[in-house]
N, C-alpha and C. Protein backbone atom coordinates (compact mmCIF):
# COMPACT_ATOMS: atom_id res chain seq x y z
N UNK A 1 111.28 111.53 102.00
CA UNK A 1 110.60 110.35 102.19
C UNK A 1 110.82 109.52 101.09
N UNK A 2 111.18 108.22 101.11
CA UNK A 2 112.00 106.93 100.10
C UNK A 2 110.67 106.83 99.27
N UNK A 3 110.72 106.37 97.96
CA UNK A 3 109.90 105.97 97.22
C UNK A 3 109.61 104.91 97.43
N UNK A 4 108.95 104.27 97.27
CA UNK A 4 108.66 102.68 98.08
C UNK A 4 107.07 102.51 96.61
N UNK A 5 107.62 100.93 95.90
CA UNK A 5 106.23 100.10 95.60
C UNK A 5 105.94 98.94 95.99
N UNK A 6 105.25 98.54 95.82
CA UNK A 6 105.06 97.00 95.52
C UNK A 6 104.41 96.22 94.50
N UNK A 7 105.15 94.78 93.86
CA UNK A 7 104.95 94.37 92.75
C UNK A 7 104.34 92.72 93.01
N UNK A 8 102.73 92.97 92.08
CA UNK A 8 101.92 91.52 91.94
C UNK A 8 102.14 91.06 90.96
N UNK A 9 101.30 89.93 91.18
CA UNK A 9 101.13 89.81 89.88
C UNK A 9 99.44 88.82 89.45
N UNK A 10 99.13 89.31 88.07
CA UNK A 10 97.63 88.62 88.38
C UNK A 10 98.02 86.53 88.10
N UNK A 11 96.99 86.08 88.16
CA UNK A 11 96.66 84.46 88.28
C UNK A 11 96.44 83.97 86.83
N UNK A 12 96.23 85.30 85.75
CA UNK A 12 96.00 84.40 84.35
C UNK A 12 96.34 85.88 83.78
N UNK A 13 96.41 85.88 82.27
CA UNK A 13 96.83 87.08 81.75
C UNK A 13 95.45 87.81 81.13
N UNK A 14 95.58 89.01 81.29
CA UNK A 14 94.13 90.10 81.13
C UNK A 14 94.89 91.10 79.72
N UNK A 15 94.25 91.22 78.92
CA UNK A 15 94.04 92.51 78.69
C UNK A 15 94.54 93.78 78.64
N UNK A 16 95.37 94.26 78.39
CA UNK A 16 94.92 95.77 79.17
C UNK A 16 93.90 96.69 79.11
N UNK A 17 93.17 96.22 77.77
CA UNK A 17 91.76 97.12 77.34
C UNK A 17 90.98 97.05 78.25
N UNK A 18 90.91 95.44 78.63
CA UNK A 18 90.35 94.59 79.31
C UNK A 18 90.47 95.45 80.45
N UNK A 19 91.41 95.20 81.45
CA UNK A 19 91.31 95.48 82.91
C UNK A 19 90.84 96.85 82.89
N UNK A 20 91.26 97.89 81.72
CA UNK A 20 90.79 99.73 81.99
C UNK A 20 89.28 99.54 81.44
N UNK A 21 88.81 98.97 81.19
CA UNK A 21 87.34 98.61 80.92
C UNK A 21 86.53 98.27 82.26
N UNK A 22 87.57 97.63 83.39
CA UNK A 22 86.74 96.83 84.39
C UNK A 22 87.09 98.10 85.33
N UNK A 23 87.84 98.98 85.32
CA UNK A 23 88.47 100.22 86.05
C UNK A 23 87.70 101.34 86.50
N UNK A 24 87.53 101.60 85.08
CA UNK A 24 87.08 102.84 84.42
C UNK A 24 85.78 103.56 84.76
N UNK A 25 84.84 102.52 85.43
CA UNK A 25 83.19 102.85 86.18
C UNK A 25 83.53 102.40 87.58
N UNK A 26 84.77 101.85 87.95
CA UNK A 26 85.19 101.93 89.48
C UNK A 26 84.28 102.98 90.62
N UNK A 27 83.42 103.29 90.96
CA UNK A 27 83.34 103.71 92.08
C UNK A 27 82.51 103.60 93.05
N UNK A 28 83.13 103.54 94.41
CA UNK A 28 82.12 103.53 95.44
C UNK A 28 82.28 104.93 96.47
N UNK A 29 81.03 105.66 96.24
CA UNK A 29 80.87 106.50 97.02
C UNK A 29 79.43 106.75 97.97
N UNK A 30 79.72 107.68 98.60
CA UNK A 30 78.15 108.16 99.22
C UNK A 30 78.72 109.56 100.40
N UNK A 31 77.76 109.77 100.46
CA UNK A 31 77.86 111.66 100.39
C UNK A 31 77.64 111.64 102.06
N UNK A 32 78.17 112.71 102.97
CA UNK A 32 78.04 112.96 104.33
C UNK A 32 77.71 114.37 104.92
N UNK A 33 76.74 114.87 105.36
CA UNK A 33 76.95 116.53 105.70
C UNK A 33 77.94 116.94 106.56
N UNK A 34 78.45 117.95 106.33
CA UNK A 34 79.42 117.77 107.48
C UNK A 34 79.24 119.42 107.48
N UNK A 35 78.77 119.96 109.19
CA UNK A 35 79.22 121.50 108.85
C UNK A 35 78.02 122.23 107.94
N UNK A 36 77.07 121.50 107.24
CA UNK A 36 76.24 122.34 106.41
C UNK A 36 76.65 122.07 104.76
N UNK A 37 77.59 121.04 104.55
CA UNK A 37 78.20 120.88 103.13
C UNK A 37 77.81 119.41 102.71
N UNK A 38 77.50 119.24 102.06
CA UNK A 38 77.69 117.50 101.71
C UNK A 38 78.76 117.48 101.18
N UNK A 39 79.22 116.19 101.55
CA UNK A 39 80.90 115.80 101.65
C UNK A 39 80.57 114.56 100.42
N UNK A 40 81.27 114.50 99.04
CA UNK A 40 81.64 112.53 99.15
C UNK A 40 83.02 112.39 99.69
N UNK A 41 82.75 111.04 99.87
CA UNK A 41 83.08 110.18 100.38
C UNK A 41 83.32 108.49 99.59
N UNK A 42 84.73 107.96 100.06
CA UNK A 42 84.67 106.70 99.75
C UNK A 42 85.55 106.62 98.43
N UNK A 43 85.58 105.76 97.53
CA UNK A 43 86.60 105.10 96.83
C UNK A 43 86.19 105.19 95.39
N UNK A 44 87.42 105.33 94.74
CA UNK A 44 87.24 105.99 92.93
C UNK A 44 88.70 105.44 92.34
N UNK A 45 88.52 105.22 91.05
CA UNK A 45 89.41 104.98 90.30
C UNK A 45 89.47 106.23 89.35
N UNK A 46 90.77 107.03 89.00
CA UNK A 46 90.56 107.93 88.36
C UNK A 46 91.97 107.72 86.99
N UNK A 47 92.04 109.01 86.18
CA UNK A 47 93.25 109.45 85.38
C UNK A 47 94.03 107.84 84.98
N UNK A 48 93.18 106.92 84.39
CA UNK A 48 93.57 105.94 83.53
C UNK A 48 94.05 106.72 82.05
N UNK A 49 95.22 105.50 82.02
CA UNK A 49 96.15 106.22 81.19
C UNK A 49 96.32 104.44 80.42
N UNK A 50 96.21 104.43 79.17
CA UNK A 50 97.10 103.39 78.56
C UNK A 50 97.90 103.88 77.53
N UNK A 51 98.92 103.26 78.08
CA UNK A 51 100.48 103.22 76.49
C UNK A 51 101.43 102.57 76.64
N UNK A 52 101.51 101.60 75.40
CA UNK A 52 101.50 100.10 75.18
C UNK A 52 101.53 99.57 75.81
N UNK A 53 102.61 98.71 76.62
CA UNK A 53 102.24 97.78 77.50
C UNK A 53 101.92 97.91 78.79
N UNK A 54 101.73 99.35 79.18
CA UNK A 54 101.43 99.86 80.89
C UNK A 54 99.59 100.77 81.08
N UNK A 55 99.32 100.40 81.51
CA UNK A 55 98.27 100.95 81.97
C UNK A 55 98.54 101.50 83.42
N UNK A 56 98.26 102.82 83.38
CA UNK A 56 98.24 103.90 84.97
C UNK A 56 97.26 104.32 85.54
N UNK A 57 97.15 104.80 86.88
CA UNK A 57 95.74 105.13 86.90
C UNK A 57 96.21 105.23 88.64
N UNK A 58 95.23 105.96 89.42
CA UNK A 58 95.20 106.81 90.54
C UNK A 58 93.89 106.03 91.31
N UNK A 59 94.20 105.63 92.33
CA UNK A 59 93.19 104.67 93.04
C UNK A 59 93.14 105.76 94.55
N UNK A 60 91.64 106.49 94.84
CA UNK A 60 91.61 107.71 95.47
C UNK A 60 90.59 107.31 96.54
N UNK A 61 90.88 107.29 97.73
CA UNK A 61 89.90 106.66 99.45
C UNK A 61 90.02 107.87 99.79
N UNK A 62 88.80 108.75 100.18
CA UNK A 62 88.02 109.98 100.57
C UNK A 62 87.61 109.76 102.26
N UNK A 63 87.67 110.23 103.10
CA UNK A 63 87.15 109.70 104.58
C UNK A 63 87.49 110.67 105.39
N UNK A 64 86.87 110.77 106.44
CA UNK A 64 86.71 111.93 107.83
C UNK A 64 87.43 111.34 108.36
N UNK A 65 88.22 112.61 108.72
CA UNK A 65 89.49 112.47 110.17
C UNK A 65 88.53 113.24 111.52
N UNK A 66 89.23 112.85 112.37
CA UNK A 66 88.44 113.87 113.59
C UNK A 66 89.91 114.74 114.12
N UNK A 67 89.75 116.12 114.12
CA UNK A 67 90.97 116.86 114.35
C UNK A 67 90.85 117.61 115.48
N UNK A 68 91.75 118.07 116.02
CA UNK A 68 91.49 118.57 117.64
C UNK A 68 91.57 120.23 117.15
N UNK A 69 90.74 121.37 117.73
CA UNK A 69 90.42 122.74 117.57
C UNK A 69 89.93 123.47 118.67
N UNK A 70 90.83 124.06 119.23
CA UNK A 70 90.20 124.95 120.20
C UNK A 70 89.38 124.18 121.71
N UNK A 71 89.99 122.69 122.53
CA UNK A 71 89.24 122.04 122.72
C UNK A 71 88.07 121.19 122.18
N UNK A 72 87.97 121.01 120.94
CA UNK A 72 87.24 120.04 120.45
C UNK A 72 86.96 119.62 119.12
N UNK A 73 86.93 118.62 118.88
CA UNK A 73 87.06 117.73 117.86
C UNK A 73 86.39 118.01 116.56
N UNK A 74 86.77 118.21 115.54
CA UNK A 74 85.34 118.41 114.40
C UNK A 74 85.75 117.30 113.12
N UNK A 75 84.93 117.46 112.39
CA UNK A 75 85.44 115.91 110.98
C UNK A 75 86.28 116.62 110.03
N UNK A 76 87.23 116.20 109.36
CA UNK A 76 87.15 116.56 108.35
C UNK A 76 87.50 115.94 107.29
N UNK A 77 86.99 116.26 106.07
CA UNK A 77 87.46 115.13 104.88
C UNK A 77 88.85 115.03 104.46
N UNK A 78 89.08 113.98 103.80
CA UNK A 78 90.66 113.78 103.50
C UNK A 78 90.36 112.98 102.71
N UNK A 79 91.61 112.88 101.39
CA UNK A 79 91.70 112.16 100.19
C UNK A 79 93.07 111.61 100.43
N UNK A 80 93.25 110.06 99.92
CA UNK A 80 94.72 109.71 99.98
C UNK A 80 94.68 108.88 98.24
N UNK A 81 95.64 109.46 97.55
CA UNK A 81 95.71 108.83 96.36
C UNK A 81 96.89 107.86 95.93
N UNK A 82 97.21 106.93 95.22
CA UNK A 82 98.01 105.91 95.39
C UNK A 82 97.94 105.91 93.89
N UNK A 83 99.07 105.65 93.29
CA UNK A 83 99.03 105.44 91.90
C UNK A 83 99.53 103.66 91.93
N UNK A 84 98.69 103.59 90.68
CA UNK A 84 99.16 102.04 90.17
C UNK A 84 99.76 101.84 88.80
N UNK A 85 99.97 100.91 88.33
CA UNK A 85 100.52 100.08 87.17
C UNK A 85 100.17 98.86 86.64
N UNK A 86 99.42 98.61 85.52
CA UNK A 86 99.41 97.30 85.06
C UNK A 86 100.43 97.42 84.27
N UNK A 87 101.31 96.01 84.11
CA UNK A 87 101.82 96.02 82.85
C UNK A 87 102.09 95.22 82.49
N UNK A 88 101.81 94.68 81.11
CA UNK A 88 102.40 93.09 80.47
C UNK A 88 103.40 93.18 79.86
N UNK A 89 104.32 91.69 80.38
CA UNK A 89 105.51 91.21 80.32
C UNK A 89 105.83 89.97 79.85
N UNK A 90 106.05 89.50 79.18
CA UNK A 90 106.42 88.23 78.98
C UNK A 90 105.59 87.28 79.41
N UNK A 91 104.33 87.44 79.01
CA UNK A 91 102.89 87.00 78.77
C UNK A 91 102.18 86.60 80.01
N UNK A 92 102.81 87.86 81.29
CA UNK A 92 102.06 87.81 82.30
C UNK A 92 101.71 89.23 82.50
N UNK A 93 100.72 89.22 83.27
CA UNK A 93 100.50 90.77 83.98
C UNK A 93 100.53 91.17 85.40
N UNK A 94 102.08 92.08 85.43
CA UNK A 94 101.97 92.47 87.06
C UNK A 94 101.51 93.80 86.84
N UNK A 95 100.85 94.10 88.77
CA UNK A 95 100.51 95.30 89.30
C UNK A 95 101.71 96.02 89.86
N UNK A 96 101.86 97.01 90.07
CA UNK A 96 102.78 97.78 90.49
C UNK A 96 102.21 98.67 91.54
N UNK A 97 102.23 99.01 92.69
CA UNK A 97 100.98 99.98 93.47
C UNK A 97 102.24 100.55 94.49
N UNK A 98 102.03 102.15 94.10
CA UNK A 98 102.96 103.05 94.94
C UNK A 98 102.88 102.87 96.23
N UNK A 99 102.83 101.93 97.06
CA UNK A 99 102.62 102.62 98.10
C UNK A 99 103.35 101.15 99.12
N UNK A 100 103.32 101.62 100.51
CA UNK A 100 104.00 100.29 101.54
C UNK A 100 103.05 99.69 101.57
N UNK A 101 103.61 98.14 102.15
CA UNK A 101 103.19 97.11 102.12
C UNK A 101 101.88 96.65 102.17
N UNK A 102 101.28 97.21 103.48
CA UNK A 102 99.82 96.75 103.82
C UNK A 102 98.61 97.91 102.88
N UNK A 103 98.98 98.93 102.45
CA UNK A 103 97.91 99.55 101.83
C UNK A 103 97.93 99.12 100.19
N UNK A 104 99.45 98.30 99.82
CA UNK A 104 99.48 97.77 98.77
C UNK A 104 98.65 96.54 98.42
N UNK A 105 99.02 95.81 99.93
CA UNK A 105 98.22 94.27 99.62
C UNK A 105 96.99 95.10 99.88
N UNK A 106 96.56 95.68 100.54
CA UNK A 106 94.83 96.20 100.22
C UNK A 106 94.51 96.68 99.13
N UNK A 107 95.10 97.12 98.75
CA UNK A 107 94.63 97.80 97.39
C UNK A 107 94.79 96.46 96.24
N UNK A 108 95.95 95.70 96.50
CA UNK A 108 95.55 94.17 94.94
C UNK A 108 94.64 93.79 95.61
N UNK A 109 94.31 93.64 97.02
CA UNK A 109 92.69 92.55 96.93
C UNK A 109 91.54 93.60 96.58
N UNK A 110 91.78 94.65 96.63
CA UNK A 110 90.64 95.32 96.05
C UNK A 110 90.56 95.35 94.35
N UNK A 111 92.31 95.09 93.88
CA UNK A 111 91.29 94.84 92.23
C UNK A 111 91.23 93.54 91.93
N UNK A 112 91.62 92.84 92.86
CA UNK A 112 91.13 91.39 92.71
C UNK A 112 89.95 91.33 92.52
N UNK A 113 89.15 91.69 93.63
CA UNK A 113 87.59 91.60 93.30
C UNK A 113 87.08 92.32 92.24
N UNK A 114 87.70 93.80 91.79
CA UNK A 114 87.31 94.41 90.53
C UNK A 114 87.15 93.40 89.28
N UNK A 115 88.44 92.54 88.81
CA UNK A 115 88.72 92.03 87.96
C UNK A 115 88.53 91.02 87.77
N UNK A 116 88.43 90.06 88.96
CA UNK A 116 88.38 88.36 89.05
C UNK A 116 86.89 88.44 90.38
N UNK A 117 85.97 89.00 90.35
CA UNK A 117 85.29 88.92 91.50
C UNK A 117 85.41 88.14 92.71
N UNK A 118 86.53 88.24 93.06
CA UNK A 118 86.98 87.44 94.40
C UNK A 118 88.42 88.16 95.02
N UNK A 119 88.62 87.34 96.11
CA UNK A 119 90.25 87.56 96.54
C UNK A 119 91.06 86.36 95.59
N UNK A 120 92.34 86.84 95.74
CA UNK A 120 93.20 85.75 95.10
C UNK A 120 92.87 85.69 94.06
N UNK A 121 93.03 86.51 93.19
CA UNK A 121 93.40 86.69 91.84
C UNK A 121 94.23 87.67 91.29
N UNK A 122 95.32 87.94 92.52
CA UNK A 122 96.38 88.68 92.21
C UNK A 122 97.43 88.66 93.74
N UNK A 123 98.24 88.21 93.38
CA UNK A 123 99.29 87.46 94.16
C UNK A 123 100.23 88.31 94.56
N UNK A 124 100.98 88.14 95.39
CA UNK A 124 102.33 89.05 95.33
C UNK A 124 103.58 88.09 94.69
N UNK A 125 103.98 89.08 93.77
CA UNK A 125 105.21 88.75 93.06
C UNK A 125 106.33 88.33 93.73
N UNK A 126 107.10 86.99 93.16
CA UNK A 126 108.18 87.23 94.30
C UNK A 126 109.51 86.66 93.02
N UNK A 127 110.59 86.96 93.83
CA UNK A 127 112.29 86.40 93.28
C UNK A 127 112.69 85.44 93.75
N UNK A 128 113.38 84.41 92.84
CA UNK A 128 113.66 83.36 93.68
C UNK A 128 114.87 84.09 94.52
N UNK A 129 115.57 83.20 95.34
CA UNK A 129 116.48 83.57 96.15
C UNK A 129 117.95 83.41 95.52
N UNK A 130 118.02 82.62 94.42
CA UNK A 130 118.98 82.80 93.70
C UNK A 130 119.15 83.57 92.37
N UNK A 131 117.89 83.83 92.33
CA UNK A 131 118.08 85.28 91.21
C UNK A 131 118.96 86.37 91.94
N UNK A 132 117.95 86.70 93.32
CA UNK A 132 118.42 87.80 94.21
C UNK A 132 119.83 87.80 93.82
N UNK A 133 120.24 86.81 94.85
CA UNK A 133 121.83 86.39 94.65
C UNK A 133 122.46 87.11 93.79
N UNK A 134 122.25 86.55 92.75
CA UNK A 134 122.94 86.68 91.29
C UNK A 134 123.19 87.95 91.12
N UNK A 135 121.46 88.99 91.38
CA UNK A 135 121.66 90.39 91.57
C UNK A 135 122.79 91.12 92.70
N UNK A 136 122.71 90.64 93.63
CA UNK A 136 123.73 91.50 94.53
C UNK A 136 125.31 90.81 94.41
N UNK A 137 125.26 90.00 94.32
CA UNK A 137 126.76 89.10 94.64
C UNK A 137 127.46 89.76 93.06
N UNK A 138 126.62 90.31 91.88
CA UNK A 138 127.54 91.09 90.98
C UNK A 138 127.55 92.43 91.12
N UNK A 139 127.29 92.89 92.61
CA UNK A 139 127.44 94.10 93.13
C UNK A 139 128.32 94.02 94.53
N UNK A 140 128.65 92.63 94.96
CA UNK A 140 129.04 92.79 96.50
C UNK A 140 129.61 93.73 97.28
N UNK A 141 130.32 94.53 96.39
CA UNK A 141 130.99 95.15 97.50
C UNK A 141 130.49 96.87 97.54
N UNK A 142 128.98 96.28 97.08
CA UNK A 142 127.85 97.82 97.09
C UNK A 142 126.61 97.67 98.28
N UNK A 143 126.90 96.39 99.11
CA UNK A 143 125.81 95.73 99.78
C UNK A 143 125.89 96.38 101.04
N UNK A 144 124.90 97.09 102.04
CA UNK A 144 125.12 97.85 102.94
C UNK A 144 124.19 96.75 103.69
N UNK A 145 123.24 96.22 103.70
CA UNK A 145 121.92 95.58 104.60
C UNK A 145 121.57 94.33 104.03
N UNK A 146 121.55 93.11 104.99
CA UNK A 146 120.95 92.05 104.73
C UNK A 146 120.29 91.29 105.61
N UNK A 147 119.02 90.83 105.77
CA UNK A 147 118.22 89.80 105.90
C UNK A 147 117.96 88.83 105.73
N UNK A 148 118.00 87.54 106.58
CA UNK A 148 117.99 86.52 105.86
C UNK A 148 116.38 85.88 106.78
N UNK A 149 115.60 84.70 106.14
CA UNK A 149 114.58 84.49 106.36
C UNK A 149 114.43 82.82 106.56
N UNK A 150 113.74 82.11 107.16
CA UNK A 150 113.58 80.98 106.79
C UNK A 150 114.79 80.29 107.09
N UNK A 151 114.86 80.75 108.47
CA UNK A 151 116.47 80.35 109.66
C UNK A 151 116.31 78.93 109.78
N UNK A 152 117.38 77.73 110.19
CA UNK A 152 117.42 76.66 110.21
C UNK A 152 117.33 76.58 112.13
N UNK A 153 117.98 77.48 112.64
CA UNK A 153 118.63 77.91 113.77
C UNK A 153 117.34 78.20 114.55
N UNK A 154 116.76 76.91 115.40
CA UNK A 154 115.90 76.49 116.73
C UNK A 154 116.08 78.44 117.22
N UNK A 155 114.31 78.82 117.60
CA UNK A 155 114.11 79.81 117.98
C UNK A 155 114.79 81.56 117.51
N UNK A 156 115.24 80.98 116.49
CA UNK A 156 115.72 82.08 115.31
C UNK A 156 114.65 82.50 114.15
N UNK A 157 114.50 83.55 113.85
CA UNK A 157 113.63 83.69 112.89
C UNK A 157 113.95 84.65 111.74
N UNK A 158 114.93 85.25 111.89
CA UNK A 158 115.66 86.22 111.05
C UNK A 158 117.16 86.39 111.29
N UNK A 159 118.00 86.81 110.75
CA UNK A 159 119.44 87.12 111.39
C UNK A 159 119.84 88.30 110.06
N UNK A 160 120.70 88.95 110.57
CA UNK A 160 120.79 90.47 109.38
C UNK A 160 122.61 90.65 109.55
N UNK A 161 122.44 91.53 108.25
CA UNK A 161 124.28 91.63 108.56
C UNK A 161 124.01 93.43 107.98
N UNK A 162 125.04 94.10 108.83
CA UNK A 162 125.19 95.24 108.52
C UNK A 162 126.73 95.87 108.56
N UNK A 163 127.09 96.78 107.19
CA UNK A 163 128.24 97.13 106.95
C UNK A 163 128.51 97.57 105.29
N UNK A 164 129.74 97.61 105.09
CA UNK A 164 129.69 98.63 104.33
C UNK A 164 130.47 97.20 103.09
N UNK A 165 130.69 96.19 103.31
CA UNK A 165 130.35 95.14 102.30
C UNK A 165 130.54 93.70 102.64
N UNK A 166 128.99 93.58 103.53
CA UNK A 166 128.39 92.65 103.64
C UNK A 166 128.88 91.07 103.46
N UNK A 167 128.67 91.20 102.17
CA UNK A 167 128.71 90.19 100.91
C UNK A 167 130.54 89.60 101.17
N UNK A 168 131.05 89.95 101.26
CA UNK A 168 133.02 89.59 101.59
C UNK A 168 132.76 88.83 103.16
N UNK A 169 132.04 89.03 104.05
CA UNK A 169 132.56 88.59 105.22
C UNK A 169 131.82 87.24 105.43
N UNK A 170 132.69 86.45 106.75
CA UNK A 170 132.75 85.31 106.85
C UNK A 170 131.37 84.97 107.30
N UNK A 171 130.90 85.74 107.72
CA UNK A 171 129.37 85.84 108.72
C UNK A 171 128.71 85.31 107.51
N UNK A 172 128.64 86.16 106.29
CA UNK A 172 127.75 85.96 104.90
C UNK A 172 127.67 84.68 105.05
N UNK A 173 128.53 83.99 104.50
CA UNK A 173 128.71 82.61 103.89
C UNK A 173 128.50 81.90 105.20
N UNK A 174 128.29 82.22 106.24
CA UNK A 174 127.78 81.33 107.50
C UNK A 174 126.29 81.19 107.37
N UNK A 175 126.13 82.44 107.47
CA UNK A 175 124.37 82.74 107.70
C UNK A 175 123.51 81.96 106.47
N UNK A 176 124.36 81.98 104.96
CA UNK A 176 124.02 80.85 104.31
C UNK A 176 123.39 79.80 104.19
N UNK A 177 124.34 79.55 104.90
CA UNK A 177 124.11 77.90 105.28
C UNK A 177 122.82 77.74 106.28
N UNK A 178 122.59 78.65 106.41
CA UNK A 178 121.02 78.66 108.04
C UNK A 178 119.68 79.15 107.10
N UNK A 179 119.98 80.24 105.91
CA UNK A 179 118.89 80.95 105.91
C UNK A 179 118.69 81.20 104.51
N UNK A 180 118.06 82.15 104.01
CA UNK A 180 118.00 82.54 102.47
C UNK A 180 117.60 84.03 102.59
N UNK A 181 118.77 84.49 101.84
CA UNK A 181 118.48 86.31 101.60
C UNK A 181 116.97 87.04 101.78
N UNK A 182 116.31 87.52 102.18
CA UNK A 182 114.95 87.87 102.39
C UNK A 182 115.08 89.81 102.05
N UNK A 183 115.77 90.28 102.03
CA UNK A 183 115.83 91.88 101.88
C UNK A 183 117.65 92.43 102.12
N UNK A 184 117.65 93.14 100.84
CA UNK A 184 118.63 93.79 100.26
C UNK A 184 118.67 95.49 100.64
N UNK A 185 119.88 96.15 101.32
CA UNK A 185 120.11 97.50 100.99
C UNK A 185 121.17 97.64 100.28
N UNK A 186 121.14 97.92 99.25
CA UNK A 186 122.53 97.69 98.36
C UNK A 186 122.79 98.88 97.08
N UNK A 187 124.04 99.55 96.79
CA UNK A 187 124.00 100.80 95.58
C UNK A 187 123.72 99.92 94.32
N UNK A 188 122.42 100.16 93.84
CA UNK A 188 122.10 99.64 92.61
C UNK A 188 123.12 99.96 91.40
N UNK A 189 122.87 101.48 91.63
CA UNK A 189 124.45 101.87 90.90
C UNK A 189 124.76 102.75 91.65
N UNK A 190 125.66 104.29 90.70
CA UNK A 190 126.95 104.96 91.26
C UNK A 190 125.85 105.92 91.55
N UNK A 191 125.70 106.07 93.19
CA UNK A 191 124.54 106.99 93.49
C UNK A 191 123.40 106.96 94.41
N UNK A 192 123.20 105.35 93.57
CA UNK A 192 121.43 104.99 93.70
C UNK A 192 121.24 104.12 94.93
N UNK A 193 121.16 103.86 96.11
CA UNK A 193 120.74 102.93 96.90
C UNK A 193 119.22 102.77 96.99
N UNK A 194 119.32 101.23 96.66
CA UNK A 194 117.97 100.47 96.98
C UNK A 194 117.18 99.49 98.26
N UNK A 195 116.36 99.42 98.63
CA UNK A 195 115.95 98.14 99.06
C UNK A 195 115.37 97.28 98.34
N UNK A 196 115.45 95.61 98.50
CA UNK A 196 114.93 94.91 97.35
C UNK A 196 114.33 93.64 98.43
N UNK A 197 113.09 93.57 98.85
CA UNK A 197 113.17 91.86 99.07
C UNK A 197 112.11 91.41 98.33
N UNK A 198 112.57 89.61 98.51
CA UNK A 198 111.87 88.83 97.87
C UNK A 198 110.63 88.39 97.39
N UNK A 199 109.79 89.35 98.27
CA UNK A 199 108.40 89.44 97.57
C UNK A 199 108.06 90.83 96.72
N UNK A 200 109.23 91.45 96.58
CA UNK A 200 108.79 92.20 95.45
C UNK A 200 108.28 93.98 96.20
N UNK A 201 108.98 94.21 97.11
CA UNK A 201 108.62 95.81 98.07
C UNK A 201 110.30 96.38 97.40
N UNK A 202 110.08 97.31 96.57
CA UNK A 202 111.16 98.00 96.39
C UNK A 202 111.10 99.33 96.31
N UNK A 203 112.23 100.14 97.71
CA UNK A 203 112.47 101.51 98.19
C UNK A 203 113.92 102.02 97.84
N UNK A 204 113.31 102.88 96.97
CA UNK A 204 114.58 103.83 96.77
C UNK A 204 115.00 105.28 98.05
N UNK A 205 116.41 104.81 98.22
CA UNK A 205 116.50 105.92 99.48
C UNK A 205 117.62 106.64 99.08
N UNK A 206 118.16 106.57 98.12
CA UNK A 206 118.53 108.09 97.29
C UNK A 206 117.01 109.12 96.71
N UNK A 207 117.62 110.48 96.27
CA UNK A 207 116.73 111.02 95.62
C UNK A 207 116.52 111.10 94.04
N UNK A 208 115.05 110.90 93.77
CA UNK A 208 114.83 111.08 92.40
C UNK A 208 113.99 110.93 92.14
N UNK A 209 113.09 111.53 90.96
CA UNK A 209 112.06 111.42 90.67
C UNK A 209 110.87 110.09 90.56
N UNK A 210 109.42 110.53 90.66
CA UNK A 210 108.73 109.12 90.81
C UNK A 210 108.89 108.51 89.32
N UNK A 211 109.33 109.79 88.18
CA UNK A 211 109.37 108.86 87.00
C UNK A 211 110.45 108.17 86.83
N UNK A 212 111.64 108.43 87.30
CA UNK A 212 113.00 107.77 87.01
C UNK A 212 112.49 106.22 88.02
N UNK A 213 112.04 106.61 88.90
CA UNK A 213 111.52 105.26 89.80
C UNK A 213 110.95 104.14 89.09
N UNK A 214 110.03 104.42 88.59
CA UNK A 214 108.86 103.98 88.03
C UNK A 214 109.62 102.94 86.75
N UNK A 215 110.17 104.23 86.15
CA UNK A 215 111.32 103.40 85.16
C UNK A 215 111.88 102.27 85.53
N UNK A 216 112.87 102.75 86.57
CA UNK A 216 113.38 101.18 86.50
C UNK A 216 112.62 100.15 87.52
N UNK A 217 111.67 100.22 87.97
CA UNK A 217 111.07 98.97 87.86
C UNK A 217 110.45 98.11 87.12
N UNK A 218 110.22 99.41 85.82
CA UNK A 218 109.48 98.46 84.91
C UNK A 218 110.64 97.74 84.41
N UNK A 219 111.83 98.73 83.91
CA UNK A 219 112.80 98.28 83.01
C UNK A 219 113.61 97.35 83.58
N UNK A 220 114.11 97.14 84.95
CA UNK A 220 114.79 96.41 85.73
C UNK A 220 114.65 95.44 86.66
N UNK A 221 113.51 95.71 87.65
CA UNK A 221 113.05 95.16 88.45
C UNK A 221 112.31 93.84 88.14
N UNK A 222 111.11 94.29 86.82
CA UNK A 222 110.06 93.36 86.50
C UNK A 222 111.24 92.16 85.78
N UNK A 223 112.11 92.08 85.08
CA UNK A 223 112.74 91.71 84.48
C UNK A 223 113.09 90.36 85.36
N UNK A 224 113.34 90.70 86.61
CA UNK A 224 114.27 89.57 87.52
C UNK A 224 112.35 89.05 87.80
N UNK A 225 111.61 89.37 88.31
CA UNK A 225 110.36 88.46 88.05
C UNK A 225 110.15 87.62 87.63
N UNK A 226 109.91 88.14 86.03
CA UNK A 226 110.28 87.32 84.80
C UNK A 226 111.42 86.02 84.51
N UNK A 227 112.16 86.23 85.13
CA UNK A 227 113.52 86.04 84.86
C UNK A 227 113.16 84.20 85.97
N UNK A 228 112.11 84.96 86.82
CA UNK A 228 111.44 83.51 88.29
C UNK A 228 110.56 82.77 88.05
N UNK A 229 109.43 83.10 87.03
CA UNK A 229 108.49 82.81 86.26
C UNK A 229 108.83 81.54 85.37
N UNK A 230 110.13 82.07 84.44
CA UNK A 230 110.42 80.88 83.91
C UNK A 230 111.13 79.86 83.99
N UNK A 231 111.79 80.12 85.27
CA UNK A 231 112.82 78.84 85.57
C UNK A 231 111.59 78.01 86.69
N UNK A 232 110.70 78.18 86.52
CA UNK A 232 109.62 77.52 87.63
C UNK A 232 109.09 76.44 87.15
């Protein structure tokens, strides 16, 4: 499975120590009896660790699923764990959630309610089209897939290009007249193929460890967002 995460921004700067204090006691659980056993279900935050400018942790959801067994369905408890990181960088705080878009969005809203007592305290991070363009054009021979949005052609929502070197095609130049680059798949460096969207979903299609993946996000993707913030 590819490694994936989505990056968000807090609307105001919060000290990581304050965030850790708010999260360490978060626990919304209840018990349910399953086949004579008391099972704890619900949500909690665990494994918090603060090191320099990064606060890491795990958000755990425990719930029941019904599975078939010999003609009947039985309720089975299941836990889903999602890694997250709060990172301070250039007077901003970014939230990195190690899951796909839907769950990442769900958890971002959860964290917003914990930290700000409302939704909207944590927003999608974005990379400006020109910042993204500078990134992939510096590696243009490595771009394999490209999607465009904000397309001006009536009844066309998105345009796409696939190939070994799509940036050097006449269609690429043509499509730039009609829309903005939304998503790219490209060889970020030798042996490492990444997917990147303007709203900061990062996918590693090449084999790498979680530690390598998140270090790449911290050191090389977050600064792209920071560049966007400075330009605004």
